[in-house]
Protein backbone atom coordinates (compact mmCIF):
# COMPACT_ATOMS: atom_id res chain seq x y z
CA MET A 1 -6.31 14.06 -22.39
CA THR A 2 -4.05 12.75 -25.24
CA GLN A 3 -4.66 9.17 -26.96
CA THR A 4 -1.21 8.20 -25.83
CA THR A 5 -2.28 8.90 -22.16
CA LEU A 6 -5.30 7.08 -22.37
CA THR A 7 -3.44 4.01 -23.92
CA SER A 8 -0.95 4.27 -20.95
CA ALA A 9 -3.60 4.97 -18.05
CA LYS A 10 -5.74 1.68 -19.18
CA LYS A 11 -2.57 -0.29 -19.69
CA PHE A 12 -1.71 0.21 -15.96
CA ALA A 13 -4.83 0.58 -14.41
CA PRO A 14 -5.28 -2.34 -11.92
CA VAL A 15 -7.25 -5.55 -12.59
CA GLN A 16 -9.03 -7.27 -9.43
CA ARG A 17 -8.21 -11.03 -9.60
CA TYR A 18 -8.72 -14.24 -7.12
CA VAL A 19 -7.18 -17.57 -6.82
CA GLN A 20 -8.45 -20.92 -5.15
CA CYS A 21 -6.08 -22.38 -2.32
CA ALA A 22 -5.94 -24.91 -0.14
CA SER A 23 -5.69 -25.34 3.72
CA PRO A 24 -5.93 -28.69 5.56
CA THR A 25 -9.55 -27.78 6.23
CA GLY A 26 -10.65 -26.89 2.87
CA LEU A 27 -10.54 -24.03 -0.28
CA HIS A 28 -10.38 -20.36 0.34
CA ARG A 29 -9.95 -17.97 -2.28
CA MET A 30 -7.18 -15.00 -2.17
CA ALA A 31 -7.66 -11.63 -3.98
CA TYR A 32 -5.16 -9.65 -5.51
CA THR A 33 -5.03 -6.73 -7.58
CA GLU A 34 -2.94 -6.96 -10.89
CA TRP A 35 -0.92 -4.29 -12.74
CA GLY A 36 0.72 -3.83 -15.90
CA ASP A 37 1.02 -6.03 -18.90
CA PRO A 38 -0.46 -9.33 -18.10
CA ALA A 39 1.88 -10.96 -20.42
CA ASN A 40 5.15 -9.76 -18.85
CA LYS A 41 7.00 -12.50 -16.90
CA ARG A 42 8.89 -9.82 -14.97
CA VAL A 43 6.96 -9.85 -11.91
CA LEU A 44 7.04 -8.01 -8.65
CA VAL A 45 4.77 -9.40 -5.86
CA CYS A 46 4.08 -6.97 -2.74
CA VAL A 47 2.90 -8.42 0.36
CA HIS A 48 1.24 -6.13 3.33
CA GLY A 49 1.20 -6.11 6.88
CA LEU A 50 -0.60 -7.99 9.58
CA THR A 51 -3.85 -5.87 9.20
CA ARG A 52 -3.73 -4.51 6.24
CA SER A 53 -4.33 -5.06 2.26
CA GLY A 54 -2.44 -5.19 -0.89
CA ARG A 55 -4.18 -1.63 -2.09
CA ASP A 56 -1.61 -0.27 0.22
CA PHE A 57 0.90 -0.86 -3.03
CA ASP A 58 -0.94 1.23 -5.30
CA ARG A 59 1.30 3.84 -5.64
CA VAL A 60 4.50 1.49 -5.74
CA ALA A 61 2.57 -0.56 -8.50
CA ALA A 62 1.41 2.05 -10.52
CA ALA A 63 5.21 3.62 -10.77
CA LEU A 64 6.64 0.28 -11.43
CA ALA A 65 3.90 -0.92 -13.66
CA ASP A 66 6.31 0.14 -17.09
CA VAL A 67 8.65 -2.78 -16.26
CA TYR A 68 6.81 -5.21 -14.04
CA ARG A 69 3.40 -7.17 -14.02
CA VAL A 70 2.68 -6.18 -10.35
CA VAL A 71 0.73 -8.43 -8.34
CA CYS A 72 -0.77 -7.25 -4.75
CA PRO A 73 -2.34 -9.95 -2.84
CA ASP A 74 -4.79 -9.45 0.16
CA VAL A 75 -3.59 -12.44 2.52
CA VAL A 76 -6.17 -14.57 3.30
CA GLY A 77 -8.21 -13.12 6.09
CA ARG A 78 -7.89 -9.63 4.92
CA GLY A 79 -9.36 -7.21 2.34
CA LEU A 80 -11.39 -8.89 -0.42
CA SER A 81 -9.69 -12.26 0.47
CA ASP A 82 -12.04 -15.24 1.93
CA TRP A 83 -11.31 -15.99 5.75
CA LEU A 84 -10.43 -19.14 7.03
CA GLY A 85 -12.82 -21.68 8.75
CA ASP A 86 -9.81 -22.42 11.29
CA ALA A 87 -8.40 -19.53 12.97
CA ASN A 88 -5.09 -21.52 14.08
CA ARG A 89 -4.11 -21.54 10.17
CA TYR A 90 -3.54 -17.95 10.23
CA ILE A 91 0.13 -18.65 10.30
CA VAL A 92 3.65 -17.69 7.90
CA PRO A 93 3.35 -21.35 6.54
CA GLN A 94 -0.28 -21.21 5.23
CA TYR A 95 0.33 -17.73 3.86
CA VAL A 96 3.46 -19.33 2.10
CA THR A 97 1.62 -22.17 0.60
CA ASP A 98 -1.01 -19.78 -0.63
CA MET A 99 2.05 -17.31 -2.50
CA VAL A 100 3.38 -20.83 -4.11
CA THR A 101 -0.33 -21.27 -5.50
CA LEU A 102 -0.50 -17.34 -6.78
CA ILE A 103 3.30 -17.68 -8.00
CA ALA A 104 2.25 -20.79 -10.00
CA ARG A 105 -1.28 -19.45 -11.28
CA LEU A 106 0.93 -16.38 -12.81
CA ASP A 107 2.96 -18.84 -14.64
CA VAL A 108 6.49 -17.62 -13.96
CA GLU A 109 9.52 -19.04 -12.95
CA SER A 110 10.82 -16.29 -10.73
CA VAL A 111 9.42 -13.01 -9.08
CA ASP A 112 10.80 -10.35 -7.23
CA TRP A 113 9.23 -9.54 -3.69
CA PHE A 114 8.53 -6.54 -1.67
CA GLY A 115 7.48 -7.22 1.62
CA THR A 116 6.14 -4.82 4.39
CA SER A 117 6.10 -6.19 8.10
CA MET A 118 4.15 -9.63 7.98
CA GLY A 119 4.80 -9.48 4.33
CA GLY A 120 8.32 -9.30 4.95
CA LEU A 121 8.08 -12.31 7.10
CA ILE A 122 6.61 -14.37 4.41
CA GLY A 123 8.84 -13.02 1.94
CA MET A 124 11.83 -14.17 3.99
CA THR A 125 10.64 -17.81 4.65
CA LEU A 126 10.07 -18.11 1.11
CA ALA A 127 13.05 -16.92 -0.32
CA GLY A 128 15.23 -18.90 2.49
CA LEU A 129 13.66 -22.24 1.00
CA PRO A 130 15.83 -24.64 -1.37
CA GLU A 131 14.41 -23.67 -5.10
CA SER A 132 12.83 -20.19 -4.05
CA PRO A 133 11.25 -18.52 -6.81
CA ILE A 134 12.47 -15.13 -5.71
CA ARG A 135 14.93 -13.04 -7.17
CA LYS A 136 15.18 -10.18 -5.17
CA LEU A 137 13.46 -9.61 -1.95
CA LEU A 138 12.87 -5.39 -0.28
CA VAL A 139 12.48 -6.28 3.47
CA ASN A 140 10.09 -3.74 4.61
CA ASP A 141 10.66 -2.54 8.67
CA ILE A 142 10.98 -6.37 9.87
CA GLY A 143 13.30 -8.78 10.69
CA PRO A 144 14.23 -12.28 12.10
CA HIS A 145 13.95 -10.62 15.76
CA ILE A 146 10.90 -8.28 16.21
CA GLU A 147 11.32 -6.14 19.45
CA PRO A 148 8.99 -7.55 22.47
CA GLY A 149 7.59 -4.08 23.03
CA ALA A 150 6.22 -3.53 19.49
CA LEU A 151 4.55 -7.22 19.69
CA ASP A 152 2.87 -5.93 22.71
CA ARG A 153 1.68 -2.85 20.94
CA ILE A 154 0.45 -4.61 18.09
CA ARG A 155 -1.55 -7.24 20.44
CA ASP A 156 -3.27 -4.52 22.01
CA TYR A 157 -5.23 -3.51 18.99
CA VAL A 158 -5.39 -6.48 16.45
CA GLY A 159 -8.77 -8.27 16.44
CA LYS A 160 -10.73 -5.93 18.71
CA SER A 161 -14.06 -5.74 17.08
CA LEU A 162 -15.09 -2.07 16.83
CA SER A 163 -17.48 0.04 15.11
CA PHE A 164 -17.76 3.18 13.81
CA GLY A 165 -20.24 5.62 12.73
CA THR A 166 -18.74 7.08 9.25
CA LEU A 167 -16.05 5.43 7.15
CA GLY A 168 -13.97 9.08 7.59
CA GLU A 169 -14.04 7.53 11.55
CA ALA A 170 -12.86 4.52 10.69
CA VAL A 171 -10.02 5.80 8.29
CA ASP A 172 -9.15 8.14 11.47
CA TYR A 173 -8.89 5.44 13.82
CA ALA A 174 -6.85 3.22 11.39
CA ALA A 175 -4.57 6.33 11.01
CA SER A 176 -4.23 6.58 14.70
CA LEU A 177 -2.89 3.07 14.86
CA ALA A 178 -0.12 3.39 11.98
CA PRO A 179 1.89 6.62 13.20
CA GLY A 180 5.07 4.97 12.26
CA PHE A 181 3.73 5.35 8.38
CA GLY A 182 4.92 8.69 8.02
CA ARG A 183 3.39 12.38 7.54
CA LEU A 184 0.76 11.36 5.48
CA SER A 185 -1.93 14.07 4.23
CA ALA A 186 -5.52 13.45 5.22
CA ASP A 187 -6.03 12.12 1.34
CA GLU A 188 -3.22 9.49 1.24
CA TRP A 189 -4.64 8.36 4.84
CA HIS A 190 -7.97 7.62 2.99
CA GLU A 191 -6.32 6.12 0.23
CA ILE A 192 -4.88 3.70 1.81
CA ASN A 193 -7.17 2.96 4.73
CA ALA A 194 -10.46 3.15 3.19
CA PRO A 195 -9.70 -0.29 1.52
CA LEU A 196 -9.20 -1.80 4.93
CA MET A 197 -13.05 -0.99 5.62
CA CYS A 198 -16.57 -2.30 5.00
CA GLU A 199 -20.19 -0.93 6.03
CA ARG A 200 -22.25 -3.35 7.93
CA GLU A 201 -26.02 -3.94 7.46
CA ASP A 202 -26.89 -1.73 10.24
CA GLY A 203 -25.22 1.30 8.54
CA THR A 204 -21.88 1.10 10.92
CA TRP A 205 -18.47 0.68 8.96
CA GLY A 206 -15.57 -1.52 10.58
CA PHE A 207 -12.46 -3.10 9.41
CA ARG A 208 -13.10 -6.01 6.62
CA TYR A 209 -10.01 -8.37 8.00
CA ASP A 210 -11.02 -11.27 10.46
CA PRO A 211 -10.72 -10.91 13.91
CA ALA A 212 -9.49 -14.31 14.37
CA ILE A 213 -6.01 -13.28 12.91
CA ALA A 214 -5.14 -12.23 16.26
CA GLN A 215 -5.50 -15.81 17.67
CA PRO A 216 -2.11 -17.15 16.90
CA PHE A 217 -0.37 -14.13 16.98
CA ALA A 218 -1.67 -14.08 20.65
CA ALA A 219 -1.06 -17.47 21.38
CA VAL A 220 2.57 -17.39 20.59
CA ASN A 221 5.10 -17.71 24.12
CA PRO A 222 8.61 -17.05 24.68
CA ASP A 223 9.98 -20.48 23.96
CA ALA A 224 7.90 -20.88 20.80
CA GLY A 225 9.08 -16.79 19.66
CA LEU A 226 12.49 -17.81 20.04
CA GLY A 227 12.73 -21.13 18.10
CA ALA A 228 10.66 -19.37 15.40
CA GLU A 229 13.20 -16.78 15.32
CA ALA A 230 16.09 -19.20 15.18
CA LEU A 231 13.94 -20.68 12.19
CA LEU A 232 13.81 -17.22 10.27
CA TRP A 233 17.50 -16.28 10.85
CA ARG A 234 18.53 -19.55 9.35
CA LEU A 235 16.15 -19.24 6.24
CA PHE A 236 17.50 -15.48 6.14
CA GLU A 237 21.14 -16.36 5.85
CA ALA A 238 20.22 -18.69 3.11
CA ILE A 239 18.62 -16.13 0.78
CA PRO A 240 21.03 -16.44 -2.31
CA GLY A 241 19.59 -13.30 -3.91
CA PRO A 242 20.00 -9.58 -3.41
CA VAL A 243 18.13 -8.13 -0.05
CA LEU A 244 17.20 -4.87 0.77
CA VAL A 245 16.17 -4.12 4.18
CA ALA A 246 14.35 -0.80 5.05
CA ARG A 247 14.07 0.66 8.11
CA GLY A 248 12.25 3.15 9.81
CA ALA A 249 14.68 4.97 11.65
CA GLU A 250 12.02 5.39 14.46
CA SER A 251 10.85 1.80 14.12
CA ASP A 252 10.12 0.25 17.46
CA LEU A 253 9.76 -3.05 15.74
CA LEU A 254 13.09 -3.42 14.09
CA SER A 255 15.80 -2.30 15.89
CA ALA A 256 19.11 -0.65 14.16
CA GLN A 257 21.12 -3.74 15.96
CA THR A 258 19.01 -6.11 13.87
CA ALA A 259 19.17 -4.61 10.77
CA ALA A 260 22.89 -4.46 10.91
CA SER A 261 22.71 -8.10 12.27
CA MET A 262 20.88 -9.02 8.85
CA VAL A 263 23.68 -7.06 6.46
CA GLU A 264 26.00 -8.63 8.56
CA ARG A 265 24.43 -12.43 8.58
CA GLY A 266 22.62 -12.73 5.00
CA LYS A 267 24.56 -13.24 1.80
CA ALA A 268 23.87 -10.04 -0.35
CA VAL A 269 22.13 -7.69 2.01
CA SER A 270 22.14 -3.83 1.79
CA SER A 271 20.20 -1.58 4.14
CA VAL A 272 18.81 1.85 3.86
CA GLU A 273 16.92 4.03 6.99
CA ILE A 274 14.23 6.29 6.43
CA GLU A 275 14.04 9.22 8.26
CA GLY A 276 10.54 10.54 9.64
CA THR A 277 9.28 7.43 9.90
CA GLY A 278 8.59 4.42 12.31
CA HIS A 279 7.13 0.99 11.83
CA ALA A 280 6.87 0.83 8.87
CA PRO A 281 7.75 3.31 6.10
CA ALA A 282 4.60 3.72 3.83
CA PHE A 283 5.87 3.91 0.31
CA LEU A 284 3.61 6.61 -0.88
CA ASP A 285 6.02 9.64 -1.69
CA ALA A 286 8.31 9.77 -4.55
CA GLU A 287 11.70 9.73 -2.29
CA GLN A 288 10.31 6.21 -0.81
CA ILE A 289 8.88 4.78 -4.06
CA ALA A 290 12.46 5.68 -5.67
CA ILE A 291 14.33 3.71 -3.01
CA ALA A 292 12.18 0.68 -4.14
CA ARG A 293 13.30 1.44 -7.99
CA ARG A 294 16.75 1.59 -7.57
CA PHE A 295 16.51 -1.51 -5.79
CA PHE A 296 14.51 -3.55 -8.43
CA VAL A 297 14.96 -1.68 -11.90
CA GLY A 298 18.36 0.30 -11.15
CA ASP A 299 17.26 3.55 -12.27
CA ASP A 300 15.60 6.84 -10.55
CA ALA A 301 13.01 7.60 -13.03
CA LEU A 302 9.79 6.82 -11.54
CA ALA A 303 6.92 5.47 -14.09
CA SER A 304 4.91 8.62 -15.46
């Protein structure tokens, strides 16, 4: 390996960081991995889905770290971030507040945003607010309207306290919950699912996330859900900058009709459908990463 290669690898290697955030019941730390030049004012924030972690974006971050300072947070209650004392605060307004704190820590005026599922909801909410720092927004398989069947599917598994004899068993179980990610190899499933797990004192393995994240999710009633959807549509329609909606062609959560409505109702919205995936495309392979790069950077070349 040449000295140039060693220098490049070191430059784009991730660094683990934390930022202190606040809720009405106290303070908590949010973890994030940071890629690229820490002095770079061009920042891409990548935010994961409901039970996932920022490590889902390792390949995206490595591919875009030549252009961006890429920041991948673990939303509170997940990954290496703290758990909240009040489970009722596991809601989008709290997540938006935490992200505003993170952006202030990064000391930049604007960011671009890649949000998968829940991360897309957070991004749409923040991007639709007046004076939002979000410049460009990629929304991965999520919209203001979520299909009820997908919500039922998620409720069936989120928050369950499960134990596994080995890390491999835990990784395989997490893979069984996400067939919509696409045709991933065993190594790829391990790459994105191992960071979701932790070994317990008794030698078993389980999910890192706080099971209490399920409480507000399970408590949503139809009337409240309709009100939240109407608000999210208003926020989405107010987003001034470019938006790309990526939809898994077989998604049970984001319908083709909703994706089309997002293009029609938004100010500067385009869409792309990714074959062979459902909810939600994993953005691990080169073709999917190229979609993100074309949108954010404007070229087809992937970072070496």
